PDB file of N, CA and C in Angstrom:
ATOM      1  N   ALA A   1       0.840  -1.182   0.012  1.00  0.00           N
ATOM      2  CA  ALA A   1       0.019  -0.003  -0.005  1.00  0.00           C
ATOM      3  C   ALA A   1       0.879   1.216  -0.007  1.00  0.00           C
ATOM      4  N   ASN A   2       0.262   2.369  -0.210  1.00  0.00           N
ATOM      5  CA  ASN A   2       0.955   3.668  -0.217  1.00  0.00           C
ATOM      6  C   ASN A   2       2.093   3.741  -1.256  1.00  0.00           C
ATOM      7  N   GLY A   3       2.033   2.919  -2.284  1.00  0.00           N
ATOM      8  CA  GLY A   3       3.054   3.007  -3.352  1.00  0.00           C
ATOM      9  C   GLY A   3       4.396   2.371  -2.964  1.00  0.00           C
ATOM     10  N   GLU A   4       4.470   1.630  -1.882  1.00  0.00           N
ATOM     11  CA  GLU A   4       5.740   1.036  -1.477  1.00  0.00           C
ATOM     12  C   GLU A   4       6.091  -0.088  -2.443  1.00  0.00           C
ATOM     13  N   ARG A   5       7.365  -0.158  -2.710  1.00  0.00           N
ATOM     14  CA  ARG A   5       7.844  -1.246  -3.588  1.00  0.00           C
ATOM     15  C   ARG A   5       8.728  -2.171  -2.768  1.00  0.00           C
ATOM     16  N   LYS A   6       8.599  -3.414  -3.043  1.00  0.00           N
ATOM     17  CA  LYS A   6       9.410  -4.392  -2.346  1.00  0.00           C
ATOM     18  C   LYS A   6      10.524  -4.861  -3.273  1.00  0.00           C
ATOM     19  N   VAL A   7      11.687  -5.098  -2.664  1.00  0.00           N
ATOM     20  CA  VAL A   7      12.852  -5.629  -3.396  1.00  0.00           C
ATOM     21  C   VAL A   7      12.966  -7.079  -3.062  1.00  0.00           C
ATOM     22  N   HIS A   8      12.990  -7.894  -4.040  1.00  0.00           N
ATOM     23  CA  HIS A   8      13.159  -9.322  -3.885  1.00  0.00           C
ATOM     24  C   HIS A   8      14.590  -9.734  -4.181  1.00  0.00           C
ATOM     25  N   TRP A   9      15.308 -10.147  -3.173  1.00  0.00           N
ATOM     26  CA  TRP A   9      16.701 -10.475  -3.338  1.00  0.00           C
ATOM     27  C   TRP A   9      16.885 -11.939  -3.697  1.00  0.00           C
ATOM     28  N   ILE A  10      17.848 -12.185  -4.553  1.00  0.00           N
ATOM     29  CA  ILE A  10      18.228 -13.539  -4.908  1.00  0.00           C
ATOM     30  C   ILE A  10      19.738 -13.703  -4.769  1.00  0.00           C
ATOM     31  N   SER A  11      20.215 -14.870  -4.647  1.00  0.00           N
ATOM     32  CA  SER A  11      21.646 -15.089  -4.434  1.00  0.00           C
ATOM     33  C   SER A  11      22.440 -14.809  -5.705  1.00  0.00           C
ATOM     34  N   TRP A  12      23.730 -14.463  -5.537  1.00  0.00           N
ATOM     35  CA  TRP A  12      24.599 -14.204  -6.672  1.00  0.00           C
ATOM     36  C   TRP A  12      24.765 -15.476  -7.475  1.00  0.00           C
ATOM     37  N   GLN A  13      24.803 -16.600  -6.802  1.00  0.00           N
ATOM     38  CA  GLN A  13      24.922 -17.887  -7.532  1.00  0.00           C
ATOM     39  C   GLN A  13      23.746 -18.089  -8.503  1.00  0.00           C
ATOM     40  N   LYS A  14      22.512 -17.725  -8.061  1.00  0.00           N
ATOM     41  CA  LYS A  14      21.347 -17.819  -8.924  1.00  0.00           C
ATOM     42  C   LYS A  14      21.420 -16.800 -10.069  1.00  0.00           C
ATOM     43  N   MET A  15      21.950 -15.614  -9.790  1.00  0.00           N
ATOM     44  CA  MET A  15      22.051 -14.595 -10.820  1.00  0.00           C
ATOM     45  C   MET A  15      23.050 -15.021 -11.889  1.00  0.00           C
ATOM     46  N   CYS A  16      24.116 -15.750 -11.511  1.00  0.00           N
ATOM     47  CA  CYS A  16      25.137 -16.196 -12.454  1.00  0.00           C
ATOM     48  C   CYS A  16      24.721 -17.449 -13.214  1.00  0.00           C
ATOM     49  N   ALA A  17      23.681 -18.113 -12.784  1.00  0.00           N
ATOM     50  CA  ALA A  17      23.248 -19.349 -13.474  1.00  0.00           C
ATOM     51  C   ALA A  17      22.746 -18.977 -14.871  1.00  0.00           C
ATOM     52  N   VAL A  18      22.931 -19.882 -15.836  1.00  0.00           N
ATOM     53  CA  VAL A  18      22.480 -19.618 -17.183  1.00  0.00           C
ATOM     54  C   VAL A  18      20.966 -19.463 -17.210  1.00  0.00           C
ATOM     55  N   LYS A  19      20.490 -18.746 -18.172  1.00  0.00           N
ATOM     56  CA  LYS A  19      19.046 -18.464 -18.261  1.00  0.00           C
ATOM     57  C   LYS A  19      18.200 -19.716 -18.375  1.00  0.00           C
ATOM     58  N   ARG A  20      18.678 -20.703 -19.145  1.00  0.00           N
ATOM     59  CA  ARG A  20      17.909 -21.932 -19.339  1.00  0.00           C
ATOM     60  C   ARG A  20      17.696 -22.704 -18.038  1.00  0.00           C
ATOM     61  N   ASP A  21      18.574 -22.387 -17.032  1.00  0.00           N
ATOM     62  CA  ASP A  21      18.435 -23.069 -15.723  1.00  0.00           C
ATOM     63  C   ASP A  21      17.730 -22.148 -14.716  1.00  0.00           C
ATOM     64  N   GLY A  22      17.130 -21.072 -15.195  1.00  0.00           N
ATOM     65  CA  GLY A  22      16.331 -20.201 -14.312  1.00  0.00           C
ATOM     66  C   GLY A  22      17.115 -19.030 -13.746  1.00  0.00           C
ATOM     67  N   GLY A  23      18.388 -18.902 -14.111  1.00  0.00           N
ATOM     68  CA  GLY A  23      19.217 -17.792 -13.652  1.00  0.00           C
ATOM     69  C   GLY A  23      19.032 -16.576 -14.517  1.00  0.00           C
ATOM     70  N   MET A  24      19.830 -15.548 -14.253  1.00  0.00           N
ATOM     71  CA  MET A  24      19.767 -14.303 -15.012  1.00  0.00           C
ATOM     72  C   MET A  24      20.862 -14.191 -16.028  1.00  0.00           C
ATOM     73  N   GLY A  25      21.814 -15.120 -16.038  1.00  0.00           N
ATOM     74  CA  GLY A  25      22.853 -15.140 -17.072  1.00  0.00           C
ATOM     75  C   GLY A  25      24.014 -14.210 -16.858  1.00  0.00           C
ATOM     76  N   PHE A  26      24.165 -13.641 -15.645  1.00  0.00           N
ATOM     77  CA  PHE A  26      25.311 -12.780 -15.371  1.00  0.00           C
ATOM     78  C   PHE A  26      26.574 -13.623 -15.380  1.00  0.00           C
ATOM     79  N   ARG A  27      27.651 -13.023 -15.829  1.00  0.00           N
ATOM     80  CA  ARG A  27      28.938 -13.746 -15.785  1.00  0.00           C
ATOM     81  C   ARG A  27      29.538 -13.590 -14.406  1.00  0.00           C
ATOM     82  N   ASP A  28      30.251 -14.618 -14.023  1.00  0.00           N
ATOM     83  CA  ASP A  28      31.063 -14.560 -12.784  1.00  0.00           C
ATOM     84  C   ASP A  28      32.329 -13.747 -13.183  1.00  0.00           C
ATOM     85  N   GLN A  29      32.389 -12.522 -12.731  1.00  0.00           N
ATOM     86  CA  GLN A  29      33.451 -11.599 -13.190  1.00  0.00           C
ATOM     87  C   GLN A  29      34.843 -12.102 -12.835  1.00  0.00           C
ATOM     88  N   GLU A  30      35.009 -12.751 -11.690  1.00  0.00           N
ATOM     89  CA  GLU A  30      36.312 -13.271 -11.309  1.00  0.00           C
ATOM     90  C   GLU A  30      36.781 -14.372 -12.278  1.00  0.00           C
ATOM     91  N   ALA A  31      35.860 -15.263 -12.576  1.00  0.00           N
ATOM     92  CA  ALA A  31      36.192 -16.386 -13.482  1.00  0.00           C
ATOM     93  C   ALA A  31      36.433 -15.848 -14.915  1.00  0.00           C
ATOM     94  N   PHE A  32      35.638 -14.855 -15.304  1.00  0.00           N
ATOM     95  CA  PHE A  32      35.789 -14.250 -16.640  1.00  0.00           C
ATOM     96  C   PHE A  32      37.128 -13.562 -16.754  1.00  0.00           C
ATOM     97  N   ASN A  33      37.535 -12.847 -15.740  1.00  0.00           N
ATOM     98  CA  ASN A  33      38.825 -12.164 -15.720  1.00  0.00           C
ATOM     99  C   ASN A  33      39.975 -13.199 -15.812  1.00  0.00           C
ATOM    100  N   GLN A  34      39.856 -14.267 -15.035  1.00  0.00           N
ATOM    101  CA  GLN A  34      40.860 -15.318 -15.039  1.00  0.00           C
ATOM    102  C   GLN A  34      40.971 -15.901 -16.439  1.00  0.00           C
ATOM    103  N   ALA A  35      39.878 -16.118 -17.123  1.00  0.00           N
ATOM    104  CA  ALA A  35      39.881 -16.670 -18.450  1.00  0.00           C
ATOM    105  C   ALA A  35      40.578 -15.702 -19.454  1.00  0.00           C
ATOM    106  N   LEU A  36      40.349 -14.411 -19.306  1.00  0.00           N
ATOM    107  CA  LEU A  36      41.002 -13.423 -20.206  1.00  0.00           C
ATOM    108  C   LEU A  36      42.499 -13.409 -19.938  1.00  0.00           C
ATOM    109  N   LEU A  37      42.906 -13.529 -18.682  1.00  0.00           N
ATOM    110  CA  LEU A  37      44.332 -13.532 -18.379  1.00  0.00           C
ATOM    111  C   LEU A  37      44.992 -14.825 -18.884  1.00  0.00           C
ATOM    112  N   ALA A  38      44.280 -15.935 -18.794  1.00  0.00           N
ATOM    113  CA  ALA A  38      44.793 -17.166 -19.362  1.00  0.00           C
ATOM    114  C   ALA A  38      44.983 -17.086 -20.843  1.00  0.00           C
ATOM    115  N   LYS A  39      44.043 -16.381 -21.516  1.00  0.00           N
ATOM    116  CA  LYS A  39      44.153 -16.145 -22.940  1.00  0.00           C
ATOM    117  C   LYS A  39      45.420 -15.361 -23.264  1.00  0.00           C
ATOM    118  N   GLN A  40      45.775 -14.396 -22.460  1.00  0.00           N
ATOM    119  CA  GLN A  40      46.965 -13.602 -22.667  1.00  0.00           C
ATOM    120  C   GLN A  40      48.234 -14.474 -22.502  1.00  0.00           C
ATOM    121  N   ALA A  41      48.220 -15.334 -21.476  1.00  0.00           N
ATOM    122  CA  ALA A  41      49.355 -16.217 -21.277  1.00  0.00           C
ATOM    123  C   ALA A  41      49.504 -17.171 -22.434  1.00  0.00           C
ATOM    124  N   TRP A  42      48.389 -17.681 -22.957  1.00  0.00           N
ATOM    125  CA  TRP A  42      48.390 -18.531 -24.133  1.00  0.00           C
ATOM    126  C   TRP A  42      48.958 -17.816 -25.353  1.00  0.00           C
ATOM    127  N   ARG A  43      48.564 -16.542 -25.520  1.00  0.00           N
ATOM    128  CA  ARG A  43      49.075 -15.755 -26.631  1.00  0.00           C
ATOM    129  C   ARG A  43      50.595 -15.521 -26.531  1.00  0.00           C
ATOM    130  N   VAL A  44      51.115 -15.322 -25.327  1.00  0.00           N
ATOM    131  CA  VAL A  44      52.555 -15.178 -25.147  1.00  0.00           C
ATOM    132  C   VAL A  44      53.235 -16.467 -25.567  1.00  0.00           C
ATOM    133  N   LEU A  45      52.643 -17.577 -25.194  1.00  0.00           N
ATOM    134  CA  LEU A  45      53.209 -18.888 -25.540  1.00  0.00           C
ATOM    135  C   LEU A  45      53.119 -19.180 -27.056  1.00  0.00           C
ATOM    136  N   GLN A  46      51.995 -18.841 -27.690  1.00  0.00           N
ATOM    137  CA  GLN A  46      51.800 -19.161 -29.094  1.00  0.00           C
ATOM    138  C   GLN A  46      52.380 -18.165 -30.058  1.00  0.00           C
ATOM    139  N   CYS A  47      52.599 -16.947 -29.638  1.00  0.00           N
ATOM    140  CA  CYS A  47      53.114 -15.891 -30.535  1.00  0.00           C
ATOM    141  C   CYS A  47      54.357 -15.277 -29.876  1.00  0.00           C
ATOM    142  N   PRO A  48      55.435 -16.050 -29.803  1.00  0.00           N
ATOM    143  CA  PRO A  48      56.633 -15.555 -29.117  1.00  0.00           C
ATOM    144  C   PRO A  48      57.304 -14.387 -29.800  1.00  0.00           C
ATOM    145  N   SER A  49      56.979 -14.088 -31.040  1.00  0.00           N
ATOM    146  CA  SER A  49      57.605 -12.962 -31.763  1.00  0.00           C
ATOM    147  C   SER A  49      56.804 -11.686 -31.575  1.00  0.00           C
ATOM    148  N   SER A  50      55.661 -11.721 -30.867  1.00  0.00           N
ATOM    149  CA  SER A  50      54.888 -10.499 -30.656  1.00  0.00           C
ATOM    150  C   SER A  50      55.694  -9.567 -29.736  1.00  0.00           C
ATOM    151  N   LEU A  51      55.460  -8.286 -29.834  1.00  0.00           N
ATOM    152  CA  LEU A  51      56.173  -7.309 -29.032  1.00  0.00           C
ATOM    153  C   LEU A  51      55.961  -7.585 -27.534  1.00  0.00           C
ATOM    154  N   CYS A  52      54.688  -7.869 -27.181  1.00  0.00           N
ATOM    155  CA  CYS A  52      54.401  -8.131 -25.752  1.00  0.00           C
ATOM    156  C   CYS A  52      55.186  -9.332 -25.258  1.00  0.00           C
ATOM    157  N   ALA A  53      55.194 -10.397 -25.996  1.00  0.00           N
ATOM    158  CA  ALA A  53      55.877 -11.639 -25.586  1.00  0.00           C
ATOM    159  C   ALA A  53      57.388 -11.393 -25.489  1.00  0.00           C
ATOM    160  N   ARG A  54      57.957 -10.655 -26.447  1.00  0.00           N
ATOM    161  CA  ARG A  54      59.404 -10.394 -26.432  1.00  0.00           C
ATOM    162  C   ARG A  54      59.776  -9.543 -25.220  1.00  0.00           C
ATOM    163  N   VAL A  55      58.987  -8.511 -24.905  1.00  0.00           N
ATOM    164  CA  VAL A  55      59.275  -7.640 -23.759  1.00  0.00           C
ATOM    165  C   VAL A  55      59.146  -8.438 -22.476  1.00  0.00           C
ATOM    166  N   LEU A  56      58.070  -9.205 -22.301  1.00  0.00           N
ATOM    167  CA  LEU A  56      57.943  -9.994 -21.062  1.00  0.00           C
ATOM    168  C   LEU A  56      59.040 -11.024 -20.931  1.00  0.00           C
ATOM    169  N   LYS A  57      59.405 -11.685 -22.017  1.00  0.00           N
ATOM    170  CA  LYS A  57      60.464 -12.703 -21.972  1.00  0.00           C
ATOM    171  C   LYS A  57      61.774 -12.050 -21.586  1.00  0.00           C
ATOM    172  N   ALA A  58      62.107 -10.950 -22.194  1.00  0.00           N
ATOM    173  CA  ALA A  58      63.386 -10.269 -21.874  1.00  0.00           C
ATOM    174  C   ALA A  58      63.434  -9.807 -20.398  1.00  0.00           C
ATOM    175  N   ARG A  59      62.307  -9.367 -19.908  1.00  0.00           N
ATOM    176  CA  ARG A  59      62.307  -8.810 -18.557  1.00  0.00           C
ATOM    177  C   ARG A  59      62.147  -9.873 -17.464  1.00  0.00           C
ATOM    178  N   TYR A  60      61.332 -10.914 -17.754  1.00  0.00           N
ATOM    179  CA  TYR A  60      60.963 -11.848 -16.643  1.00  0.00           C
ATOM    180  C   TYR A  60      61.372 -13.275 -16.778  1.00  0.00           C
ATOM    181  N   PHE A  61      61.520 -13.816 -17.992  1.00  0.00           N
ATOM    182  CA  PHE A  61      61.829 -15.236 -18.114  1.00  0.00           C
ATOM    183  C   PHE A  61      62.727 -15.505 -19.328  1.00  0.00           C
ATOM    184  N   SER A  62      63.868 -14.826 -19.379  1.00  0.00           N
ATOM    185  CA  SER A  62      64.781 -14.930 -20.517  1.00  0.00           C
ATOM    186  C   SER A  62      65.290 -16.327 -20.757  1.00  0.00           C
ATOM    187  N   GLU A  63      65.416 -17.127 -19.710  1.00  0.00           N
ATOM    188  CA  GLU A  63      65.952 -18.473 -19.802  1.00  0.00           C
ATOM    189  C   GLU A  63      64.839 -19.572 -19.826  1.00  0.00           C
ATOM    190  N   ASP A  64      63.575 -19.161 -19.653  1.00  0.00           N
ATOM    191  CA  ASP A  64      62.496 -20.125 -19.515  1.00  0.00           C
ATOM    192  C   ASP A  64      61.378 -19.827 -20.521  1.00  0.00           C
ATOM    193  N   THR A  65      60.284 -20.473 -20.351  1.00  0.00           N
ATOM    194  CA  THR A  65      59.061 -20.153 -21.125  1.00  0.00           C
ATOM    195  C   THR A  65      58.045 -19.572 -20.127  1.00  0.00           C
ATOM    196  N   ILE A  66      56.944 -19.069 -20.629  1.00  0.00           N
ATOM    197  CA  ILE A  66      55.870 -18.568 -19.801  1.00  0.00           C
ATOM    198  C   ILE A  66      55.335 -19.652 -18.898  1.00  0.00           C
ATOM    199  N   LEU A  67      55.430 -20.923 -19.332  1.00  0.00           N
ATOM    200  CA  LEU A  67      54.936 -22.019 -18.552  1.00  0.00           C
ATOM    201  C   LEU A  67      55.727 -22.309 -17.313  1.00  0.00           C
ATOM    202  N   THR A  68      57.016 -22.004 -17.333  1.00  0.00           N
ATOM    203  CA  THR A  68      57.887 -22.283 -16.173  1.00  0.00           C
ATOM    204  C   THR A  68      58.349 -21.002 -15.471  1.00  0.00           C
ATOM    205  N   ALA A  69      57.911 -19.843 -15.935  1.00  0.00           N
ATOM    206  CA  ALA A  69      58.338 -18.598 -15.367  1.00  0.00           C
ATOM    207  C   ALA A  69      57.860 -18.458 -13.914  1.00  0.00           C
ATOM    208  N   THR A  70      58.667 -17.861 -13.092  1.00  0.00           N
ATOM    209  CA  THR A  70      58.284 -17.556 -11.723  1.00  0.00           C
ATOM    210  C   THR A  70      58.054 -16.042 -11.622  1.00  0.00           C
ATOM    211  N   CYS A  71      57.431 -15.647 -10.550  1.00  0.00           N
ATOM    212  CA  CYS A  71      57.068 -14.268 -10.365  1.00  0.00           C
ATOM    213  C   CYS A  71      58.030 -13.601  -9.380  1.00  0.00           C
ATOM    214  N   PRO A  72      58.968 -12.755  -9.853  1.00  0.00           N
ATOM    215  CA  PRO A  72      59.821 -12.096  -8.883  1.00  0.00           C
ATOM    216  C   PRO A  72      59.049 -11.033  -8.107  1.00  0.00           C
ATOM    217  N   ALA A  73      59.590 -10.689  -6.959  1.00  0.00           N
ATOM    218  CA  ALA A  73      58.913  -9.710  -6.093  1.00  0.00           C
ATOM    219  C   ALA A  73      58.741  -8.330  -6.818  1.00  0.00           C
ATOM    220  N   THR A  74      59.601  -8.040  -7.759  1.00  0.00           N
ATOM    221  CA  THR A  74      59.542  -6.744  -8.430  1.00  0.00           C
ATOM    222  C   THR A  74      58.707  -6.775  -9.740  1.00  0.00           C
ATOM    223  N   ALA A  75      57.991  -7.866  -9.973  1.00  0.00           N
ATOM    224  CA  ALA A  75      57.258  -8.031 -11.223  1.00  0.00           C
ATOM    225  C   ALA A  75      56.096  -6.999 -11.285  1.00  0.00           C
ATOM    226  N   SER A  76      55.843  -6.579 -12.526  1.00  0.00           N
ATOM    227  CA  SER A  76      54.746  -5.622 -12.752  1.00  0.00           C
ATOM    228  C   SER A  76      53.401  -6.298 -12.452  1.00  0.00           C
ATOM    229  N   TYR A  77      52.389  -5.465 -12.218  1.00  0.00           N
ATOM    230  CA  TYR A  77      51.046  -5.971 -11.976  1.00  0.00           C
ATOM    231  C   TYR A  77      50.577  -6.736 -13.210  1.00  0.00           C
ATOM    232  N   THR A  78      50.957  -6.289 -14.398  1.00  0.00           N
ATOM    233  CA  THR A  78      50.567  -6.985 -15.641  1.00  0.00           C
ATOM    234  C   THR A  78      51.124  -8.360 -15.670  1.00  0.00           C
ATOM    235  N   PHE A  79      52.432  -8.505 -15.390  1.00  0.00           N
ATOM    236  CA  PHE A  79      53.043  -9.853 -15.424  1.00  0.00           C
ATOM    237  C   PHE A  79      52.495 -10.736 -14.349  1.00  0.00           C
ATOM    238  N   GLN A  80      52.279 -10.191 -13.140  1.00  0.00           N
ATOM    239  CA  GLN A  80      51.677 -10.976 -12.049  1.00  0.00           C
ATOM    240  C   GLN A  80      50.318 -11.497 -12.447  1.00  0.00           C
ATOM    241  N   SER A  81      49.545 -10.625 -13.119  1.00  0.00           N
ATOM    242  CA  SER A  81      48.226 -11.020 -13.522  1.00  0.00           C
ATOM    243  C   SER A  81      48.191 -12.089 -14.629  1.00  0.00           C
ATOM    244  N   ILE A  82      49.139 -11.974 -15.585  1.00  0.00           N
ATOM    245  CA  ILE A  82      49.237 -13.001 -16.627  1.00  0.00           C
ATOM    246  C   ILE A  82      49.636 -14.342 -16.008  1.00  0.00           C
ATOM    247  N   LEU A  83      50.528 -14.338 -15.035  1.00  0.00           N
ATOM    248  CA  LEU A  83      50.870 -15.611 -14.366  1.00  0.00           C
ATOM    249  C   LEU A  83      49.714 -16.150 -13.588  1.00  0.00           C
ATOM    250  N   HIS A  84      48.890 -15.293 -13.039  1.00  0.00           N
ATOM    251  CA  HIS A  84      47.684 -15.729 -12.323  1.00  0.00           C
ATOM    252  C   HIS A  84      46.730 -16.436 -13.312  1.00  0.00           C
ATOM    253  N   GLY A  85      46.625 -15.853 -14.499  1.00  0.00           N
ATOM    254  CA  GLY A  85      45.805 -16.485 -15.538  1.00  0.00           C
ATOM    255  C   GLY A  85      46.387 -17.806 -16.029  1.00  0.00           C
ATOM    256  N   ARG A  86      47.729 -17.840 -16.158  1.00  0.00           N
ATOM    257  CA  ARG A  86      48.388 -19.072 -16.573  1.00  0.00           C
ATOM    258  C   ARG A  86      48.118 -20.182 -15.557  1.00  0.00           C
ATOM    259  N   ASP A  87      48.189 -19.864 -14.298  1.00  0.00           N
ATOM    260  CA  ASP A  87      48.005 -20.854 -13.260  1.00  0.00           C
ATOM    261  C   ASP A  87      46.559 -21.343 -13.167  1.00  0.00           C
TER     262      ASP A  87
END
């Protein structure tokens, strides 16, 4: 009454469920971000002559590949993130 509106809350898990299963189809942003970072790690591995791959290799894993690279304490946020995606 009096024009009040009620908000019906549902769980984030239900919101992220695919529509055919009754969810709202939202993406899990953390999983989506991880997938995009994994794609970048894959690109470094598959396109070693790209500028990005050459710069990262020279700076962080000159003797290794992206698959065996470790993360030094001084690594950039970008490189840390790509390794997070790789893992």
